[in-house]
PDB file of all heavy atoms in Angstrom:
ATOM      1  N   GLU A   1     -48.706 145.517  17.018  1.00  0.00           N
ATOM      2  CA  GLU A   1     -49.396 146.370  16.041  1.00  0.00           C
ATOM      3  C   GLU A   1     -48.711 147.727  15.933  1.00  0.00           C
ATOM      4  O   GLU A   1     -48.647 148.319  14.863  1.00  0.00           O
ATOM      5  CB  GLU A   1     -50.870 146.592  16.404  1.00  0.00           C
ATOM      6  CG  GLU A   1     -51.576 147.293  15.261  1.00  0.00           C
ATOM      7  CD  GLU A   1     -52.952 147.872  15.595  1.00  0.00           C
ATOM      8  OE1 GLU A   1     -53.486 147.594  16.663  1.00  0.00           O
ATOM      9  OE2 GLU A   1     -53.462 148.619  14.747  1.00  0.00           O
ATOM     10  N   PHE A   2     -48.163 148.206  17.051  1.00  0.00           N
ATOM     11  CA  PHE A   2     -47.608 149.560  17.029  1.00  0.00           C
ATOM     12  C   PHE A   2     -46.175 149.624  16.496  1.00  0.00           C
ATOM     13  O   PHE A   2     -45.829 150.546  15.756  1.00  0.00           O
ATOM     14  CB  PHE A   2     -47.633 150.190  18.430  1.00  0.00           C
ATOM     15  CG  PHE A   2     -47.100 151.598  18.398  1.00  0.00           C
ATOM     16  CD1 PHE A   2     -47.929 152.640  17.994  1.00  0.00           C
ATOM     17  CD2 PHE A   2     -45.779 151.878  18.680  1.00  0.00           C
ATOM     18  CE1 PHE A   2     -47.425 153.933  17.886  1.00  0.00           C
ATOM     19  CE2 PHE A   2     -45.274 153.161  18.581  1.00  0.00           C
ATOM     20  CZ  PHE A   2     -46.109 154.191  18.181  1.00  0.00           C
ATOM     21  N   THR A   3     -45.344 148.667  16.855  1.00  0.00           N
ATOM     22  CA  THR A   3     -43.909 148.826  16.609  1.00  0.00           C
ATOM     23  C   THR A   3     -43.522 148.958  15.127  1.00  0.00           C
ATOM     24  O   THR A   3     -42.513 149.603  14.821  1.00  0.00           O
ATOM     25  CB  THR A   3     -43.109 147.701  17.316  1.00  0.00           C
ATOM     26  OG1 THR A   3     -41.759 148.107  17.461  1.00  0.00           O
ATOM     27  CG2 THR A   3     -43.192 146.391  16.568  1.00  0.00           C
ATOM     28  N   PRO A   4     -44.313 148.434  14.149  1.00  0.00           N
ATOM     29  CA  PRO A   4     -43.937 148.692  12.745  1.00  0.00           C
ATOM     30  C   PRO A   4     -43.953 150.173  12.388  1.00  0.00           C
ATOM     31  O   PRO A   4     -43.342 150.575  11.392  1.00  0.00           O
ATOM     32  CB  PRO A   4     -44.999 147.930  11.934  1.00  0.00           C
ATOM     33  CG  PRO A   4     -45.601 146.959  12.877  1.00  0.00           C
ATOM     34  CD  PRO A   4     -45.471 147.527  14.240  1.00  0.00           C
ATOM     35  N   MET A   5     -44.640 150.998  13.182  1.00  0.00           N
ATOM     36  CA  MET A   5     -44.687 152.431  12.874  1.00  0.00           C
ATOM     37  C   MET A   5     -43.306 153.079  12.952  1.00  0.00           C
ATOM     38  O   MET A   5     -43.100 154.166  12.417  1.00  0.00           O
ATOM     39  CB  MET A   5     -45.659 153.146  13.815  1.00  0.00           C
ATOM     40  CG  MET A   5     -47.098 152.746  13.573  1.00  0.00           C
ATOM     41  SD  MET A   5     -48.264 153.857  14.362  1.00  0.00           S
ATOM     42  CE  MET A   5     -49.804 153.000  14.077  1.00  0.00           C
ATOM     43  N   CYS A   6     -42.370 152.417  13.638  1.00  0.00           N
ATOM     44  CA  CYS A   6     -40.986 152.926  13.660  1.00  0.00           C
ATOM     45  C   CYS A   6     -40.335 152.794  12.289  1.00  0.00           C
ATOM     46  O   CYS A   6     -39.294 153.394  12.033  1.00  0.00           O
ATOM     47  CB  CYS A   6     -40.151 152.161  14.692  1.00  0.00           C
ATOM     48  SG  CYS A   6     -40.688 152.422  16.389  1.00  0.00           S
ATOM     49  N   THR A   7     -40.946 152.002  11.424  1.00  0.00           N
ATOM     50  CA  THR A   7     -40.361 151.745  10.101  1.00  0.00           C
ATOM     51  C   THR A   7     -41.205 152.310   8.970  1.00  0.00           C
ATOM     52  O   THR A   7     -40.686 152.960   8.069  1.00  0.00           O
ATOM     53  CB  THR A   7     -40.195 150.217   9.890  1.00  0.00           C
ATOM     54  OG1 THR A   7     -39.518 149.666  11.010  1.00  0.00           O
ATOM     55  CG2 THR A   7     -39.400 149.938   8.634  1.00  0.00           C
ATOM     56  N   TYR A   8     -42.541 152.062   9.006  1.00  0.00           N
ATOM     57  CA  TYR A   8     -43.287 152.493   7.826  1.00  0.00           C
ATOM     58  C   TYR A   8     -43.572 153.986   7.821  1.00  0.00           C
ATOM     59  O   TYR A   8     -43.478 154.655   8.826  1.00  0.00           O
ATOM     60  CB  TYR A   8     -44.519 151.643   7.554  1.00  0.00           C
ATOM     61  CG  TYR A   8     -45.630 151.552   8.550  1.00  0.00           C
ATOM     62  CD1 TYR A   8     -46.366 152.658   8.951  1.00  0.00           C
ATOM     63  CD2 TYR A   8     -46.001 150.300   9.039  1.00  0.00           C
ATOM     64  CE1 TYR A   8     -47.435 152.534   9.824  1.00  0.00           C
ATOM     65  CE2 TYR A   8     -47.065 150.172   9.914  1.00  0.00           C
ATOM     66  CZ  TYR A   8     -47.767 151.290  10.299  1.00  0.00           C
ATOM     67  OH  TYR A   8     -48.822 151.161  11.161  1.00  0.00           O
ATOM     68  N   GLU A   9     -43.849 154.460   6.599  1.00  0.00           N
ATOM     69  CA  GLU A   9     -43.913 155.901   6.305  1.00  0.00           C
ATOM     70  C   GLU A   9     -42.577 156.581   6.607  1.00  0.00           C
ATOM     71  O   GLU A   9     -42.523 157.748   6.949  1.00  0.00           O
ATOM     72  CB  GLU A   9     -45.043 156.591   7.084  1.00  0.00           C
ATOM     73  CG  GLU A   9     -46.420 156.072   6.738  1.00  0.00           C
ATOM     74  CD  GLU A   9     -46.612 155.843   5.258  1.00  0.00           C
ATOM     75  OE1 GLU A   9     -46.443 156.789   4.480  1.00  0.00           O
ATOM     76  OE2 GLU A   9     -46.919 154.717   4.859  1.00  0.00           O
ATOM     77  N   GLY A  10     -41.513 155.831   6.470  1.00  0.00           N
ATOM     78  CA  GLY A  10     -40.177 156.376   6.656  1.00  0.00           C
ATOM     79  C   GLY A  10     -39.504 155.785   7.874  1.00  0.00           C
ATOM     80  O   GLY A  10     -39.988 155.930   8.994  1.00  0.00           O
ATOM     81  N   GLU A  11     -38.387 155.078   7.664  1.00  0.00           N
ATOM     82  CA  GLU A  11     -37.610 154.516   8.774  1.00  0.00           C
ATOM     83  C   GLU A  11     -37.133 155.663   9.667  1.00  0.00           C
ATOM     84  O   GLU A  11     -36.721 156.708   9.189  1.00  0.00           O
ATOM     85  CB  GLU A  11     -36.432 153.721   8.201  1.00  0.00           C
ATOM     86  CG  GLU A  11     -35.705 152.849   9.193  1.00  0.00           C
ATOM     87  CD  GLU A  11     -34.717 153.614  10.041  1.00  0.00           C
ATOM     88  OE1 GLU A  11     -34.110 154.591   9.547  1.00  0.00           O
ATOM     89  OE2 GLU A  11     -34.552 153.249  11.212  1.00  0.00           O
ATOM     90  N   ASN A  12     -37.210 155.466  10.975  1.00  0.00           N
ATOM     91  CA  ASN A  12     -37.069 156.584  11.906  1.00  0.00           C
ATOM     92  C   ASN A  12     -35.745 157.337  11.840  1.00  0.00           C
ATOM     93  O   ASN A  12     -35.720 158.564  11.953  1.00  0.00           O
ATOM     94  CB  ASN A  12     -37.325 156.107  13.340  1.00  0.00           C
ATOM     95  CG  ASN A  12     -38.799 156.045  13.665  1.00  0.00           C
ATOM     96  OD1 ASN A  12     -39.646 156.415  12.848  1.00  0.00           O
ATOM     97  ND2 ASN A  12     -39.139 155.596  14.862  1.00  0.00           N
ATOM     98  N   THR A  13     -34.640 156.618  11.690  1.00  0.00           N
ATOM     99  CA  THR A  13     -33.351 157.319  11.611  1.00  0.00           C
ATOM    100  C   THR A  13     -33.328 158.225  10.392  1.00  0.00           C
ATOM    101  O   THR A  13     -32.861 159.376  10.455  1.00  0.00           O
ATOM    102  CB  THR A  13     -32.185 156.309  11.558  1.00  0.00           C
ATOM    103  OG1 THR A  13     -32.236 155.489  12.728  1.00  0.00           O
ATOM    104  CG2 THR A  13     -30.840 157.019  11.499  1.00  0.00           C
ATOM    105  N   VAL A  14     -33.843 157.725   9.272  1.00  0.00           N
ATOM    106  CA  VAL A  14     -33.887 158.538   8.049  1.00  0.00           C
ATOM    107  C   VAL A  14     -34.821 159.733   8.244  1.00  0.00           C
ATOM    108  O   VAL A  14     -34.542 160.840   7.771  1.00  0.00           O
ATOM    109  CB  VAL A  14     -34.335 157.671   6.845  1.00  0.00           C
ATOM    110  CG1 VAL A  14     -34.419 158.509   5.576  1.00  0.00           C
ATOM    111  CG2 VAL A  14     -33.362 156.512   6.637  1.00  0.00           C
ATOM    112  N   MET A  15     -35.934 159.516   8.956  1.00  0.00           N
ATOM    113  CA  MET A  15     -36.856 160.626   9.243  1.00  0.00           C
ATOM    114  C   MET A  15     -36.156 161.715  10.055  1.00  0.00           C
ATOM    115  O   MET A  15     -36.303 162.913   9.784  1.00  0.00           O
ATOM    116  CB  MET A  15     -38.072 160.124  10.023  1.00  0.00           C
ATOM    117  CG  MET A  15     -39.000 159.207   9.254  1.00  0.00           C
ATOM    118  SD  MET A  15     -39.774 160.000   7.823  1.00  0.00           S
ATOM    119  CE  MET A  15     -38.595 159.593   6.544  1.00  0.00           C
ATOM    120  N   MET A  16     -35.395 161.296  11.071  1.00  0.00           N
ATOM    121  CA  MET A  16     -34.651 162.262  11.885  1.00  0.00           C
ATOM    122  C   MET A  16     -33.638 163.034  11.038  1.00  0.00           C
ATOM    123  O   MET A  16     -33.445 164.241  11.222  1.00  0.00           O
ATOM    124  CB  MET A  16     -33.942 161.551  13.035  1.00  0.00           C
ATOM    125  CG  MET A  16     -34.860 161.186  14.182  1.00  0.00           C
ATOM    126  SD  MET A  16     -35.583 162.653  14.977  1.00  0.00           S
ATOM    127  CE  MET A  16     -36.144 161.969  16.516  1.00  0.00           C
ATOM    128  N   LEU A  17     -33.011 162.353  10.094  1.00  0.00           N
ATOM    129  CA  LEU A  17     -32.038 163.023   9.220  1.00  0.00           C
ATOM    130  C   LEU A  17     -32.731 163.994   8.265  1.00  0.00           C
ATOM    131  O   LEU A  17     -32.164 165.029   7.910  1.00  0.00           O
ATOM    132  CB  LEU A  17     -31.210 161.983   8.454  1.00  0.00           C
ATOM    133  CG  LEU A  17     -30.209 161.206   9.321  1.00  0.00           C
ATOM    134  CD1 LEU A  17     -29.629 160.024   8.551  1.00  0.00           C
ATOM    135  CD2 LEU A  17     -29.087 162.118   9.805  1.00  0.00           C
ATOM    136  N   GLN A  18     -33.963 163.676   7.858  1.00  0.00           N
ATOM    137  CA  GLN A  18     -34.713 164.626   7.018  1.00  0.00           C
ATOM    138  C   GLN A  18     -35.017 165.903   7.802  1.00  0.00           C
ATOM    139  O   GLN A  18     -34.884 167.018   7.295  1.00  0.00           O
ATOM    140  CB  GLN A  18     -36.020 163.992   6.529  1.00  0.00           C
ATOM    141  CG  GLN A  18     -35.821 162.987   5.415  1.00  0.00           C
ATOM    142  CD  GLN A  18     -37.141 162.515   4.816  1.00  0.00           C
ATOM    143  OE1 GLN A  18     -38.193 163.078   5.069  1.00  0.00           O
ATOM    144  NE2 GLN A  18     -37.071 161.461   4.011  1.00  0.00           N
ATOM    145  N   THR A  19     -35.427 165.728   9.054  1.00  0.00           N
ATOM    146  CA  THR A  19     -35.671 166.896   9.908  1.00  0.00           C
ATOM    147  C   THR A  19     -34.378 167.677  10.112  1.00  0.00           C
ATOM    148  O   THR A  19     -34.374 168.917  10.080  1.00  0.00           O
ATOM    149  CB  THR A  19     -36.253 166.447  11.264  1.00  0.00           C
ATOM    150  OG1 THR A  19     -37.471 165.736  11.016  1.00  0.00           O
ATOM    151  CG2 THR A  19     -36.537 167.624  12.169  1.00  0.00           C
ATOM    152  N   ALA A  20     -33.276 166.948  10.302  1.00  0.00           N
ATOM    153  CA  ALA A  20     -31.971 167.600  10.497  1.00  0.00           C
ATOM    154  C   ALA A  20     -31.591 168.445   9.286  1.00  0.00           C
ATOM    155  O   ALA A  20     -31.018 169.534   9.429  1.00  0.00           O
ATOM    156  CB  ALA A  20     -30.902 166.546  10.769  1.00  0.00           C
ATOM    157  N   ARG A  21     -31.915 167.953   8.097  1.00  0.00           N
ATOM    158  CA  ARG A  21     -31.585 168.718   6.876  1.00  0.00           C
ATOM    159  C   ARG A  21     -32.286 170.084   6.904  1.00  0.00           C
ATOM    160  O   ARG A  21     -31.700 171.108   6.551  1.00  0.00           O
ATOM    161  CB  ARG A  21     -32.005 167.912   5.646  1.00  0.00           C
ATOM    162  CG  ARG A  21     -31.319 168.331   4.356  1.00  0.00           C
ATOM    163  CD  ARG A  21     -31.643 167.351   3.232  1.00  0.00           C
ATOM    164  NE  ARG A  21     -31.026 166.066   3.402  1.00  0.00           N
ATOM    165  CZ  ARG A  21     -29.749 165.790   3.090  1.00  0.00           C
ATOM    166  NH1 ARG A  21     -28.959 166.734   2.618  1.00  0.00           N
ATOM    167  NH2 ARG A  21     -29.270 164.575   3.261  1.00  0.00           N
ATOM    168  N   TYR A  22     -33.522 170.078   7.360  1.00  0.00           N
ATOM    169  CA  TYR A  22     -34.283 171.329   7.458  1.00  0.00           C
ATOM    170  C   TYR A  22     -33.691 172.232   8.542  1.00  0.00           C
ATOM    171  O   TYR A  22     -33.584 173.453   8.368  1.00  0.00           O
ATOM    172  CB  TYR A  22     -35.744 171.004   7.771  1.00  0.00           C
ATOM    173  CG  TYR A  22     -36.633 172.217   7.919  1.00  0.00           C
ATOM    174  CD1 TYR A  22     -36.983 172.995   6.816  1.00  0.00           C
ATOM    175  CD2 TYR A  22     -37.125 172.594   9.171  1.00  0.00           C
ATOM    176  CE1 TYR A  22     -37.807 174.103   6.950  1.00  0.00           C
ATOM    177  CE2 TYR A  22     -37.944 173.699   9.309  1.00  0.00           C
ATOM    178  CZ  TYR A  22     -38.278 174.451   8.196  1.00  0.00           C
ATOM    179  OH  TYR A  22     -39.091 175.551   8.341  1.00  0.00           O
ATOM    180  N   LEU A  23     -33.291 171.632   9.669  1.00  0.00           N
ATOM    181  CA  LEU A  23     -32.725 172.416  10.769  1.00  0.00           C
ATOM    182  C   LEU A  23     -31.398 173.056  10.372  1.00  0.00           C
ATOM    183  O   LEU A  23     -31.140 174.227  10.674  1.00  0.00           O
ATOM    184  CB  LEU A  23     -32.532 171.525  12.006  1.00  0.00           C
ATOM    185  CG  LEU A  23     -33.807 171.001  12.674  1.00  0.00           C
ATOM    186  CD1 LEU A  23     -33.472 169.970  13.742  1.00  0.00           C
ATOM    187  CD2 LEU A  23     -34.618 172.140  13.276  1.00  0.00           C
ATOM    188  N   VAL A  24     -30.545 172.281   9.695  1.00  0.00           N
ATOM    189  CA  VAL A  24     -29.241 172.815   9.250  1.00  0.00           C
ATOM    190  C   VAL A  24     -29.452 173.942   8.239  1.00  0.00           C
ATOM    191  O   VAL A  24     -28.798 174.999   8.308  1.00  0.00           O
ATOM    192  CB  VAL A  24     -28.363 171.686   8.657  1.00  0.00           C
ATOM    193  CG1 VAL A  24     -27.139 172.248   7.940  1.00  0.00           C
ATOM    194  CG2 VAL A  24     -27.945 170.716   9.753  1.00  0.00           C
ATOM    195  N   LYS A  25     -30.373 173.713   7.313  1.00  0.00           N
ATOM    196  CA  LYS A  25     -30.683 174.756   6.319  1.00  0.00           C
ATOM    197  C   LYS A  25     -31.186 176.020   7.018  1.00  0.00           C
ATOM    198  O   LYS A  25     -30.780 177.139   6.679  1.00  0.00           O
ATOM    199  CB  LYS A  25     -31.737 174.222   5.343  1.00  0.00           C
ATOM    200  CG  LYS A  25     -32.090 175.188   4.210  1.00  0.00           C
ATOM    201  CD  LYS A  25     -33.158 174.584   3.309  1.00  0.00           C
ATOM    202  CE  LYS A  25     -33.595 175.573   2.237  1.00  0.00           C
ATOM    203  NZ  LYS A  25     -34.699 175.033   1.419  1.00  0.00           N
ATOM    204  N   SER A  26     -32.065 175.844   8.002  1.00  0.00           N
ATOM    205  CA  SER A  26     -32.609 176.988   8.741  1.00  0.00           C
ATOM    206  C   SER A  26     -31.507 177.716   9.504  1.00  0.00           C
ATOM    207  O   SER A  26     -31.451 178.958   9.520  1.00  0.00           O
ATOM    208  CB  SER A  26     -33.696 176.514   9.726  1.00  0.00           C
ATOM    209  OG  SER A  26     -34.758 175.901   9.041  1.00  0.00           O
ATOM    210  N   TYR A  27     -30.623 176.948  10.136  1.00  0.00           N
ATOM    211  CA  TYR A  27     -29.520 177.554  10.897  1.00  0.00           C
ATOM    212  C   TYR A  27     -28.626 178.380   9.969  1.00  0.00           C
ATOM    213  O   TYR A  27     -28.211 179.495  10.311  1.00  0.00           O
ATOM    214  CB  TYR A  27     -28.700 176.454  11.582  1.00  0.00           C
ATOM    215  CG  TYR A  27     -27.500 176.987  12.327  1.00  0.00           C
ATOM    216  CD1 TYR A  27     -27.634 177.528  13.602  1.00  0.00           C
ATOM    217  CD2 TYR A  27     -26.225 176.962  11.751  1.00  0.00           C
ATOM    218  CE1 TYR A  27     -26.537 178.029  14.286  1.00  0.00           C
ATOM    219  CE2 TYR A  27     -25.127 177.462  12.421  1.00  0.00           C
ATOM    220  CZ  TYR A  27     -25.291 177.995  13.691  1.00  0.00           C
ATOM    221  OH  TYR A  27     -24.198 178.502  14.358  1.00  0.00           O
ATOM    222  N   ARG A  28     -28.355 177.841   8.788  1.00  0.00           N
ATOM    223  CA  ARG A  28     -27.500 178.572   7.825  1.00  0.00           C
ATOM    224  C   ARG A  28     -28.191 179.831   7.319  1.00  0.00           C
ATOM    225  O   ARG A  28     -27.523 180.839   7.046  1.00  0.00           O
ATOM    226  CB  ARG A  28     -27.114 177.644   6.665  1.00  0.00           C
ATOM    227  CG  ARG A  28     -26.074 176.603   7.076  1.00  0.00           C
ATOM    228  CD  ARG A  28     -25.809 175.586   5.980  1.00  0.00           C
ATOM    229  NE  ARG A  28     -24.713 174.688   6.347  1.00  0.00           N
ATOM    230  CZ  ARG A  28     -24.461 173.533   5.758  1.00  0.00           C
ATOM    231  NH1 ARG A  28     -25.247 173.110   4.763  1.00  0.00           N
ATOM    232  NH2 ARG A  28     -23.448 172.786   6.139  1.00  0.00           N
ATOM    233  N   GLN A  29     -29.516 179.775   7.200  1.00  0.00           N
ATOM    234  CA  GLN A  29     -30.250 180.986   6.796  1.00  0.00           C
ATOM    235  C   GLN A  29     -30.088 182.092   7.839  1.00  0.00           C
ATOM    236  O   GLN A  29     -29.917 183.262   7.499  1.00  0.00           O
ATOM    237  CB  GLN A  29     -31.741 180.656   6.606  1.00  0.00           C
ATOM    238  CG  GLN A  29     -32.027 179.864   5.340  1.00  0.00           C
ATOM    239  CD  GLN A  29     -33.477 179.393   5.252  1.00  0.00           C
ATOM    240  OE1 GLN A  29     -34.155 179.235   6.273  1.00  0.00           O
ATOM    241  NE2 GLN A  29     -33.958 179.160   4.050  1.00  0.00           N
ATOM    242  N   VAL A  30     -30.121 181.709   9.117  1.00  0.00           N
ATOM    243  CA  VAL A  30     -29.906 182.683  10.193  1.00  0.00           C
ATOM    244  C   VAL A  30     -28.501 183.275  10.088  1.00  0.00           C
ATOM    245  O   VAL A  30     -28.311 184.493  10.217  1.00  0.00           O
ATOM    246  CB  VAL A  30     -30.123 182.023  11.580  1.00  0.00           C
ATOM    247  CG1 VAL A  30     -29.640 182.939  12.705  1.00  0.00           C
ATOM    248  CG2 VAL A  30     -31.591 181.689  11.779  1.00  0.00           C
ATOM    249  N   LYS A  31     -27.526 182.408   9.826  1.00  0.00           N
ATOM    250  CA  LYS A  31     -26.128 182.870   9.694  1.00  0.00           C
ATOM    251  C   LYS A  31     -25.985 183.862   8.539  1.00  0.00           C
ATOM    252  O   LYS A  31     -25.125 184.738   8.556  1.00  0.00           O
ATOM    253  CB  LYS A  31     -25.192 181.677   9.466  1.00  0.00           C
ATOM    254  CG  LYS A  31     -25.111 180.707  10.629  1.00  0.00           C
ATOM    255  CD  LYS A  31     -24.333 181.256  11.806  1.00  0.00           C
ATOM    256  CE  LYS A  31     -22.836 181.140  11.586  1.00  0.00           C
ATOM    257  NZ  LYS A  31     -22.073 181.605  12.766  1.00  0.00           N
ATOM    258  N   ASP A  32     -26.852 183.697   7.541  1.00  0.00           N
ATOM    259  CA  ASP A  32     -26.816 184.606   6.378  1.00  0.00           C
ATOM    260  C   ASP A  32     -27.664 185.859   6.597  1.00  0.00           C
ATOM    261  O   ASP A  32     -27.885 186.632   5.668  1.00  0.00           O
ATOM    262  CB  ASP A  32     -27.317 183.865   5.121  1.00  0.00           C
ATOM    263  CG  ASP A  32     -26.341 182.784   4.677  1.00  0.00           C
ATOM    264  OD1 ASP A  32     -25.158 182.857   5.059  1.00  0.00           O
ATOM    265  OD2 ASP A  32     -26.778 181.858   3.963  1.00  0.00           O
ATOM    266  N   GLY A  33     -28.195 186.008   7.816  1.00  0.00           N
ATOM    267  CA  GLY A  33     -28.906 187.242   8.142  1.00  0.00           C
ATOM    268  C   GLY A  33     -30.407 187.193   7.985  1.00  0.00           C
ATOM    269  O   GLY A  33     -31.087 188.206   8.144  1.00  0.00           O
ATOM    270  N   GLN A  34     -30.961 186.004   7.672  1.00  0.00           N
ATOM    271  CA  GLN A  34     -32.417 185.906   7.524  1.00  0.00           C
ATOM    272  C   GLN A  34     -33.080 185.690   8.882  1.00  0.00           C
ATOM    273  O   GLN A  34     -32.466 185.144   9.802  1.00  0.00           O
ATOM    274  CB  GLN A  34     -32.776 184.734   6.605  1.00  0.00           C
ATOM    275  CG  GLN A  34     -32.303 184.905   5.172  1.00  0.00           C
ATOM    276  CD  GLN A  34     -32.757 183.725   4.312  1.00  0.00           C
ATOM    277  OE1 GLN A  34     -33.886 183.268   4.402  1.00  0.00           O
ATOM    278  NE2 GLN A  34     -31.867 183.229   3.471  1.00  0.00           N
ATOM    279  N   GLN A  35     -34.330 186.127   9.004  1.00  0.00           N
ATOM    280  CA  GLN A  35     -35.126 185.901  10.215  1.00  0.00           C
ATOM    281  C   GLN A  35     -36.084 184.740   9.953  1.00  0.00           C
ATOM    282  O   GLN A  35     -36.820 184.760   8.972  1.00  0.00           O
ATOM    283  CB  GLN A  35     -35.919 187.156  10.581  1.00  0.00           C
ATOM    284  CG  GLN A  35     -35.103 188.195  11.335  1.00  0.00           C
ATOM    285  CD  GLN A  35     -34.805 187.769  12.771  1.00  0.00           C
ATOM    286  OE1 GLN A  35     -33.651 187.440  13.087  1.00  0.00           O
ATOM    287  NE2 GLN A  35     -35.805 187.749  13.619  1.00  0.00           N
ATOM    288  N   LEU A  36     -36.059 183.747  10.833  1.00  0.00           N
ATOM    289  CA  LEU A  36     -36.932 182.585  10.667  1.00  0.00           C
ATOM    290  C   LEU A  36     -38.252 182.805  11.389  1.00  0.00           C
ATOM    291  O   LEU A  36     -38.315 183.512  12.395  1.00  0.00           O
ATOM    292  CB  LEU A  36     -36.266 181.334  11.247  1.00  0.00           C
ATOM    293  CG  LEU A  36     -34.902 180.920  10.672  1.00  0.00           C
ATOM    294  CD1 LEU A  36     -34.340 179.751  11.460  1.00  0.00           C
ATOM    295  CD2 LEU A  36     -35.024 180.551   9.202  1.00  0.00           C
ATOM    296  N   SER A  37     -39.300 182.152  10.880  1.00  0.00           N
ATOM    297  CA  SER A  37     -40.587 182.143  11.578  1.00  0.00           C
ATOM    298  C   SER A  37     -40.957 180.698  11.857  1.00  0.00           C
ATOM    299  O   SER A  37     -40.246 179.772  11.476  1.00  0.00           O
ATOM    300  CB  SER A  37     -41.663 182.824  10.724  1.00  0.00           C
ATOM    301  OG  SER A  37     -41.795 182.132   9.495  1.00  0.00           O
ATOM    302  N   GLY A  38     -42.075 180.490  12.537  1.00  0.00           N
ATOM    303  CA  GLY A  38     -42.546 179.124  12.784  1.00  0.00           C
ATOM    304  C   GLY A  38     -41.797 178.458  13.918  1.00  0.00           C
ATOM    305  O   GLY A  38     -41.155 179.100  14.754  1.00  0.00           O
ATOM    306  N   ILE A  39     -41.844 177.136  13.936  1.00  0.00           N
ATOM    307  CA  ILE A  39     -41.344 176.348  15.065  1.00  0.00           C
ATOM    308  C   ILE A  39     -39.826 176.426  15.213  1.00  0.00           C
ATOM    309  O   ILE A  39     -39.279 176.142  16.271  1.00  0.00           O
ATOM    310  CB  ILE A  39     -41.842 174.881  14.945  1.00  0.00           C
ATOM    311  CG1 ILE A  39     -41.970 174.224  16.333  1.00  0.00           C
ATOM    312  CG2 ILE A  39     -40.952 174.071  14.036  1.00  0.00           C
ATOM    313  CD1 ILE A  39     -43.275 174.451  17.002  1.00  0.00           C
ATOM    314  N   VAL A  40     -39.107 176.806  14.141  1.00  0.00           N
ATOM    315  CA  VAL A  40     -37.635 176.900  14.228  1.00  0.00           C
ATOM    316  C   VAL A  40     -37.153 178.316  14.510  1.00  0.00           C
ATOM    317  O   VAL A  40     -35.962 178.589  14.444  1.00  0.00           O
ATOM    318  CB  VAL A  40     -36.955 176.391  12.928  1.00  0.00           C
ATOM    319  CG1 VAL A  40     -37.092 174.899  12.781  1.00  0.00           C
ATOM    320  CG2 VAL A  40     -37.489 177.109  11.705  1.00  0.00           C
ATOM    321  N   SER A  41     -38.070 179.204  14.855  1.00  0.00           N
ATOM    322  CA  SER A  41     -37.683 180.607  15.064  1.00  0.00           C
ATOM    323  C   SER A  41     -36.684 180.760  16.208  1.00  0.00           C
ATOM    324  O   SER A  41     -35.964 181.757  16.274  1.00  0.00           O
ATOM    325  CB  SER A  41     -38.919 181.472  15.319  1.00  0.00           C
ATOM    326  OG  SER A  41     -39.615 180.999  16.448  1.00  0.00           O
ATOM    327  N   TYR A  42     -36.614 179.750  17.102  1.00  0.00           N
ATOM    328  CA  TYR A  42     -35.648 179.844  18.205  1.00  0.00           C
ATOM    329  C   TYR A  42     -34.202 179.890  17.701  1.00  0.00           C
ATOM    330  O   TYR A  42     -33.306 180.344  18.411  1.00  0.00           O
ATOM    331  CB  TYR A  42     -35.828 178.683  19.190  1.00  0.00           C
ATOM    332  CG  TYR A  42     -35.502 177.307  18.649  1.00  0.00           C
ATOM    333  CD1 TYR A  42     -34.221 176.788  18.722  1.00  0.00           C
ATOM    334  CD2 TYR A  42     -36.489 176.508  18.070  1.00  0.00           C
ATOM    335  CE1 TYR A  42     -33.923 175.525  18.245  1.00  0.00           C
ATOM    336  CE2 TYR A  42     -36.209 175.249  17.591  1.00  0.00           C
ATOM    337  CZ  TYR A  42     -34.921 174.753  17.675  1.00  0.00           C
ATOM    338  OH  TYR A  42     -34.629 173.496  17.193  1.00  0.00           O
ATOM    339  N   LEU A  43     -33.974 179.432  16.468  1.00  0.00           N
ATOM    340  CA  LEU A  43     -32.609 179.471  15.925  1.00  0.00           C
ATOM    341  C   LEU A  43     -32.164 180.901  15.620  1.00  0.00           C
ATOM    342  O   LEU A  43     -30.972 181.152  15.429  1.00  0.00           O
ATOM    343  CB  LEU A  43     -32.509 178.603  14.661  1.00  0.00           C
ATOM    344  CG  LEU A  43     -32.687 177.092  14.882  1.00  0.00           C
ATOM    345  CD1 LEU A  43     -32.723 176.360  13.554  1.00  0.00           C
ATOM    346  CD2 LEU A  43     -31.586 176.537  15.773  1.00  0.00           C
ATOM    347  N   ASN A  44     -33.113 181.843  15.563  1.00  0.00           N
ATOM    348  CA  ASN A  44     -32.736 183.251  15.373  1.00  0.00           C
ATOM    349  C   ASN A  44     -31.802 183.722  16.474  1.00  0.00           C
ATOM    350  O   ASN A  44     -30.979 184.612  16.267  1.00  0.00           O
ATOM    351  CB  ASN A  44     -33.989 184.156  15.377  1.00  0.00           C
ATOM    352  CG  ASN A  44     -34.862 183.924  14.157  1.00  0.00           C
ATOM    353  OD1 ASN A  44     -34.360 183.618  13.072  1.00  0.00           O
ATOM    354  ND2 ASN A  44     -36.168 184.060  14.326  1.00  0.00           N
ATOM    355  N   GLU A  45     -31.939 183.118  17.658  1.00  0.00           N
ATOM    356  CA  GLU A  45     -31.134 183.539  18.804  1.00  0.00           C
ATOM    357  C   GLU A  45     -29.727 182.961  18.759  1.00  0.00           C
ATOM    358  O   GLU A  45     -28.863 183.371  19.536  1.00  0.00           O
ATOM    359  CB  GLU A  45     -31.821 183.099  20.103  1.00  0.00           C
ATOM    360  CG  GLU A  45     -33.228 183.656  20.261  1.00  0.00           C
ATOM    361  CD  GLU A  45     -34.025 182.903  21.320  1.00  0.00           C
ATOM    362  OE1 GLU A  45     -33.410 182.397  22.269  1.00  0.00           O
ATOM    363  OE2 GLU A  45     -35.263 182.827  21.182  1.00  0.00           O
ATOM    364  N   ALA A  46     -29.505 181.999  17.858  1.00  0.00           N
ATOM    365  CA  ALA A  46     -28.202 181.319  17.822  1.00  0.00           C
ATOM    366  C   ALA A  46     -27.055 182.286  17.543  1.00  0.00           C
ATOM    367  O   ALA A  46     -25.930 182.090  18.006  1.00  0.00           O
ATOM    368  CB  ALA A  46     -28.217 180.209  16.772  1.00  0.00           C
TER     369      ALA A  46
END
């Protein structure tokens, strides 16, 4: 019953890549001098 959850509502590898897109965008914003808030604020220290 549980294992289909790795696929539905988004196949997991694709889900990880969607999160990565946000992380890369956030990292580039820091490089451009912006300050991040929320759960990715740790990238400000990068």
